[in-house]
Amino acid sequence: MAYAWRKSSYRGSDGGNCLEVAAHPSAVHVRDSRNPTGPALTVAPATWSAFAAHVGA
């Protein structure tokens, strides 16, 4: 399945490290933008929401 990956809005213009996220109703996938064919972390949407709320606080 092809995912619609989105890069972090906090990435710098210098091409540094960055995360990409692809979400759909049953899972959220996270990967390293510098290694798009490498492994991805997959979590439940509720887990991702809890993480995002914690780091955004």
PDB file of N, CA and C in Angstrom:
ATOM      1  N   MET A   1       0.838  -1.182   0.000  1.00  0.00           N
ATOM      2  CA  MET A   1       0.000   0.000   0.000  1.00  0.00           C
ATOM      3  C   MET A   1       0.887   1.251   0.000  1.00  0.00           C
ATOM      4  N   ALA A   2       0.571   2.212  -0.816  1.00  0.00           N
ATOM      5  CA  ALA A   2       1.313   3.469  -0.868  1.00  0.00           C
ATOM      6  C   ALA A   2       0.703   4.452   0.129  1.00  0.00           C
ATOM      7  N   TYR A   3       1.544   5.036   0.948  1.00  0.00           N
ATOM      8  CA  TYR A   3       1.090   6.002   1.942  1.00  0.00           C
ATOM      9  C   TYR A   3       1.404   7.415   1.479  1.00  0.00           C
ATOM     10  N   ALA A   4       0.635   8.363   1.953  1.00  0.00           N
ATOM     11  CA  ALA A   4       0.889   9.780   1.689  1.00  0.00           C
ATOM     12  C   ALA A   4       1.744  10.304   2.845  1.00  0.00           C
ATOM     13  N   TRP A   5       3.054  10.311   2.667  1.00  0.00           N
ATOM     14  CA  TRP A   5       3.983  10.736   3.715  1.00  0.00           C
ATOM     15  C   TRP A   5       4.042  12.262   3.761  1.00  0.00           C
ATOM     16  N   ARG A   6       4.057  12.815   4.984  1.00  0.00           N
ATOM     17  CA  ARG A   6       4.170  14.254   5.190  1.00  0.00           C
ATOM     18  C   ARG A   6       5.370  14.532   6.083  1.00  0.00           C
ATOM     19  N   LYS A   7       6.192  15.496   5.693  1.00  0.00           N
ATOM     20  CA  LYS A   7       7.353  15.871   6.503  1.00  0.00           C
ATOM     21  C   LYS A   7       6.927  16.806   7.626  1.00  0.00           C
ATOM     22  N   SER A   8       7.685  16.758   8.690  1.00  0.00           N
ATOM     23  CA  SER A   8       7.436  17.628   9.828  1.00  0.00           C
ATOM     24  C   SER A   8       7.466  19.088   9.411  1.00  0.00           C
ATOM     25  N   SER A   9       6.583  19.883   9.970  1.00  0.00           N
ATOM     26  CA  SER A   9       6.572  21.317   9.678  1.00  0.00           C
ATOM     27  C   SER A   9       7.685  22.040  10.428  1.00  0.00           C
ATOM     28  N   TYR A  10       8.367  21.348  11.331  1.00  0.00           N
ATOM     29  CA  TYR A  10       9.449  21.941  12.118  1.00  0.00           C
ATOM     30  C   TYR A  10      10.829  21.657  11.530  1.00  0.00           C
ATOM     31  N   ARG A  11      10.893  21.101  10.365  1.00  0.00           N
ATOM     32  CA  ARG A  11      12.191  20.791   9.763  1.00  0.00           C
ATOM     33  C   ARG A  11      12.884  22.081   9.340  1.00  0.00           C
ATOM     34  N   GLY A  12      14.173  22.039   9.341  1.00  0.00           N
ATOM     35  CA  GLY A  12      14.946  23.201   8.934  1.00  0.00           C
ATOM     36  C   GLY A  12      15.173  23.215   7.437  1.00  0.00           C
ATOM     37  N   SER A  13      15.609  24.346   6.915  1.00  0.00           N
ATOM     38  CA  SER A  13      15.867  24.452   5.485  1.00  0.00           C
ATOM     39  C   SER A  13      17.252  23.933   5.120  1.00  0.00           C
ATOM     40  N   ASP A  14      18.037  23.545   6.128  1.00  0.00           N
ATOM     41  CA  ASP A  14      19.397  23.068   5.875  1.00  0.00           C
ATOM     42  C   ASP A  14      19.455  21.584   5.526  1.00  0.00           C
ATOM     43  N   GLY A  15      18.311  20.920   5.418  1.00  0.00           N
ATOM     44  CA  GLY A  15      18.291  19.509   5.040  1.00  0.00           C
ATOM     45  C   GLY A  15      18.666  18.569   6.161  1.00  0.00           C
ATOM     46  N   GLY A  16      18.494  18.990   7.395  1.00  0.00           N
ATOM     47  CA  GLY A  16      18.835  18.174   8.548  1.00  0.00           C
ATOM     48  C   GLY A  16      17.895  16.989   8.727  1.00  0.00           C
ATOM     49  N   ASN A  17      18.045  16.335   9.849  1.00  0.00           N
ATOM     50  CA  ASN A  17      17.210  15.180  10.140  1.00  0.00           C
ATOM     51  C   ASN A  17      15.747  15.586  10.224  1.00  0.00           C
ATOM     52  N   CYS A  18      14.889  14.699   9.774  1.00  0.00           N
ATOM     53  CA  CYS A  18      13.478  15.014   9.733  1.00  0.00           C
ATOM     54  C   CYS A  18      12.664  13.727   9.798  1.00  0.00           C
ATOM     55  N   LEU A  19      11.487  13.835  10.373  1.00  0.00           N
ATOM     56  CA  LEU A  19      10.556  12.718  10.398  1.00  0.00           C
ATOM     57  C   LEU A  19       9.490  12.930   9.342  1.00  0.00           C
ATOM     58  N   GLU A  20       8.980  11.818   8.856  1.00  0.00           N
ATOM     59  CA  GLU A  20       7.816  11.838   7.977  1.00  0.00           C
ATOM     60  C   GLU A  20       6.752  10.979   8.634  1.00  0.00           C
ATOM     61  N   VAL A  21       5.507  11.387   8.460  1.00  0.00           N
ATOM     62  CA  VAL A  21       4.380  10.687   9.065  1.00  0.00           C
ATOM     63  C   VAL A  21       3.342  10.396   7.991  1.00  0.00           C
ATOM     64  N   ALA A  22       2.793   9.199   8.046  1.00  0.00           N
ATOM     65  CA  ALA A  22       1.675   8.818   7.182  1.00  0.00           C
ATOM     66  C   ALA A  22       0.593   8.242   8.095  1.00  0.00           C
ATOM     67  N   ALA A  23      -0.594   8.807   8.015  1.00  0.00           N
ATOM     68  CA  ALA A  23      -1.672   8.373   8.903  1.00  0.00           C
ATOM     69  C   ALA A  23      -2.887   7.910   8.104  1.00  0.00           C
ATOM     70  N   HIS A  24      -3.574   6.954   8.663  1.00  0.00           N
ATOM     71  CA  HIS A  24      -4.880   6.547   8.162  1.00  0.00           C
ATOM     72  C   HIS A  24      -5.680   6.074   9.367  1.00  0.00           C
ATOM     73  N   PRO A  25      -6.948   5.754   9.246  1.00  0.00           N
ATOM     74  CA  PRO A  25      -7.786   5.494  10.421  1.00  0.00           C
ATOM     75  C   PRO A  25      -7.303   4.411  11.383  1.00  0.00           C
ATOM     76  N   SER A  26      -6.559   3.422  10.904  1.00  0.00           N
ATOM     77  CA  SER A  26      -6.177   2.325  11.800  1.00  0.00           C
ATOM     78  C   SER A  26      -4.723   2.343  12.252  1.00  0.00           C
ATOM     79  N   ALA A  27      -3.892   3.243  11.717  1.00  0.00           N
ATOM     80  CA  ALA A  27      -2.478   3.260  12.101  1.00  0.00           C
ATOM     81  C   ALA A  27      -1.821   4.581  11.709  1.00  0.00           C
ATOM     82  N   VAL A  28      -0.738   4.884  12.414  1.00  0.00           N
ATOM     83  CA  VAL A  28       0.111   6.025  12.072  1.00  0.00           C
ATOM     84  C   VAL A  28       1.520   5.466  11.882  1.00  0.00           C
ATOM     85  N   HIS A  29       2.142   5.809  10.762  1.00  0.00           N
ATOM     86  CA  HIS A  29       3.480   5.325  10.435  1.00  0.00           C
ATOM     87  C   HIS A  29       4.454   6.492  10.514  1.00  0.00           C
ATOM     88  N   VAL A  30       5.621   6.256  11.088  1.00  0.00           N
ATOM     89  CA  VAL A  30       6.652   7.283  11.235  1.00  0.00           C
ATOM     90  C   VAL A  30       7.959   6.723  10.690  1.00  0.00           C
ATOM     91  N   ARG A  31       8.678   7.531   9.902  1.00  0.00           N
ATOM     92  CA  ARG A  31       9.953   7.079   9.352  1.00  0.00           C
ATOM     93  C   ARG A  31      10.942   8.244   9.285  1.00  0.00           C
ATOM     94  N   ASP A  32      12.191   7.895   9.061  1.00  0.00           N
ATOM     95  CA  ASP A  32      13.271   8.858   8.880  1.00  0.00           C
ATOM     96  C   ASP A  32      13.247   9.322   7.431  1.00  0.00           C
ATOM     97  N   SER A  33      13.121  10.620   7.204  1.00  0.00           N
ATOM     98  CA  SER A  33      13.047  11.118   5.828  1.00  0.00           C
ATOM     99  C   SER A  33      14.327  10.885   5.049  1.00  0.00           C
ATOM    100  N   ARG A  34      15.440  10.711   5.740  1.00  0.00           N
ATOM    101  CA  ARG A  34      16.707  10.453   5.049  1.00  0.00           C
ATOM    102  C   ARG A  34      16.860   8.992   4.646  1.00  0.00           C
ATOM    103  N   ASN A  35      15.967   8.136   5.138  1.00  0.00           N
ATOM    104  CA  ASN A  35      16.018   6.713   4.817  1.00  0.00           C
ATOM    105  C   ASN A  35      14.593   6.230   4.510  1.00  0.00           C
ATOM    106  N   PRO A  36      13.981   6.716   3.439  1.00  0.00           N
ATOM    107  CA  PRO A  36      12.581   6.385   3.172  1.00  0.00           C
ATOM    108  C   PRO A  36      12.311   4.916   2.875  1.00  0.00           C
ATOM    109  N   THR A  37      13.325   4.161   2.506  1.00  0.00           N
ATOM    110  CA  THR A  37      13.104   2.728   2.272  1.00  0.00           C
ATOM    111  C   THR A  37      13.445   1.896   3.503  1.00  0.00           C
ATOM    112  N   GLY A  38      13.869   2.554   4.566  1.00  0.00           N
ATOM    113  CA  GLY A  38      14.207   1.860   5.807  1.00  0.00           C
ATOM    114  C   GLY A  38      12.964   1.540   6.625  1.00  0.00           C
ATOM    115  N   PRO A  39      13.176   1.114   7.840  1.00  0.00           N
ATOM    116  CA  PRO A  39      12.047   0.721   8.693  1.00  0.00           C
ATOM    117  C   PRO A  39      11.188   1.917   9.080  1.00  0.00           C
ATOM    118  N   ALA A  40       9.940   1.626   9.387  1.00  0.00           N
ATOM    119  CA  ALA A  40       8.996   2.632   9.875  1.00  0.00           C
ATOM    120  C   ALA A  40       8.391   2.128  11.177  1.00  0.00           C
ATOM    121  N   LEU A  41       8.131   3.043  12.058  1.00  0.00           N
ATOM    122  CA  LEU A  41       7.449   2.731  13.317  1.00  0.00           C
ATOM    123  C   LEU A  41       5.958   2.863  13.065  1.00  0.00           C
ATOM    124  N   THR A  42       5.177   1.883  13.497  1.00  0.00           N
ATOM    125  CA  THR A  42       3.727   1.924  13.324  1.00  0.00           C
ATOM    126  C   THR A  42       3.066   1.874  14.684  1.00  0.00           C
ATOM    127  N   VAL A  43       2.171   2.839  14.937  1.00  0.00           N
ATOM    128  CA  VAL A  43       1.459   2.907  16.215  1.00  0.00           C
ATOM    129  C   VAL A  43      -0.022   3.138  15.970  1.00  0.00           C
ATOM    130  N   ALA A  44      -0.816   2.869  16.978  1.00  0.00           N
ATOM    131  CA  ALA A  44      -2.254   3.129  16.915  1.00  0.00           C
ATOM    132  C   ALA A  44      -2.500   4.639  16.939  1.00  0.00           C
ATOM    133  N   PRO A  45      -3.559   5.102  16.292  1.00  0.00           N
ATOM    134  CA  PRO A  45      -3.849   6.539  16.302  1.00  0.00           C
ATOM    135  C   PRO A  45      -3.959   7.136  17.707  1.00  0.00           C
ATOM    136  N   ALA A  46      -4.528   6.411  18.649  1.00  0.00           N
ATOM    137  CA  ALA A  46      -4.634   6.928  20.017  1.00  0.00           C
ATOM    138  C   ALA A  46      -3.260   7.080  20.653  1.00  0.00           C
ATOM    139  N   THR A  47      -2.351   6.179  20.369  1.00  0.00           N
ATOM    140  CA  THR A  47      -0.981   6.273  20.880  1.00  0.00           C
ATOM    141  C   THR A  47      -0.279   7.489  20.297  1.00  0.00           C
ATOM    142  N   TRP A  48      -0.438   7.716  18.997  1.00  0.00           N
ATOM    143  CA  TRP A  48       0.167   8.876  18.354  1.00  0.00           C
ATOM    144  C   TRP A  48      -0.410  10.173  18.932  1.00  0.00           C
ATOM    145  N   SER A  49      -1.699  10.222  19.148  1.00  0.00           N
ATOM    146  CA  SER A  49      -2.333  11.419  19.716  1.00  0.00           C
ATOM    147  C   SER A  49      -1.806  11.717  21.108  1.00  0.00           C
ATOM    148  N   ALA A  50      -1.633  10.676  21.918  1.00  0.00           N
ATOM    149  CA  ALA A  50      -1.096  10.860  23.270  1.00  0.00           C
ATOM    150  C   ALA A  50       0.349  11.361  23.197  1.00  0.00           C
ATOM    151  N   PHE A  51       1.154  10.813  22.307  1.00  0.00           N
ATOM    152  CA  PHE A  51       2.519  11.262  22.123  1.00  0.00           C
ATOM    153  C   PHE A  51       2.576  12.727  21.685  1.00  0.00           C
ATOM    154  N   ALA A  52       1.780  13.060  20.674  1.00  0.00           N
ATOM    155  CA  ALA A  52       1.774  14.431  20.156  1.00  0.00           C
ATOM    156  C   ALA A  52       1.306  15.425  21.224  1.00  0.00           C
ATOM    157  N   ALA A  53       0.347  15.047  22.039  1.00  0.00           N
ATOM    158  CA  ALA A  53      -0.121  15.919  23.110  1.00  0.00           C
ATOM    159  C   ALA A  53       0.983  16.129  24.142  1.00  0.00           C
ATOM    160  N   HIS A  54       1.752  15.088  24.412  1.00  0.00           N
ATOM    161  CA  HIS A  54       2.812  15.172  25.402  1.00  0.00           C
ATOM    162  C   HIS A  54       3.962  16.059  24.922  1.00  0.00           C
ATOM    163  N   VAL A  55       4.407  15.885  23.698  1.00  0.00           N
ATOM    164  CA  VAL A  55       5.541  16.671  23.199  1.00  0.00           C
ATOM    165  C   VAL A  55       5.112  18.089  22.828  1.00  0.00           C
ATOM    166  N   GLY A  56       3.852  18.298  22.586  1.00  0.00           N
ATOM    167  CA  GLY A  56       3.356  19.620  22.242  1.00  0.00           C
ATOM    168  C   GLY A  56       3.045  20.476  23.462  1.00  0.00           C
ATOM    169  N   ALA A  57       3.127  19.872  24.623  1.00  0.00           N
ATOM    170  CA  ALA A  57       2.770  20.596  25.854  1.00  0.00           C
ATOM    171  C   ALA A  57       3.844  21.555  26.304  1.00  0.00           C
TER     172      ALA A  57
END
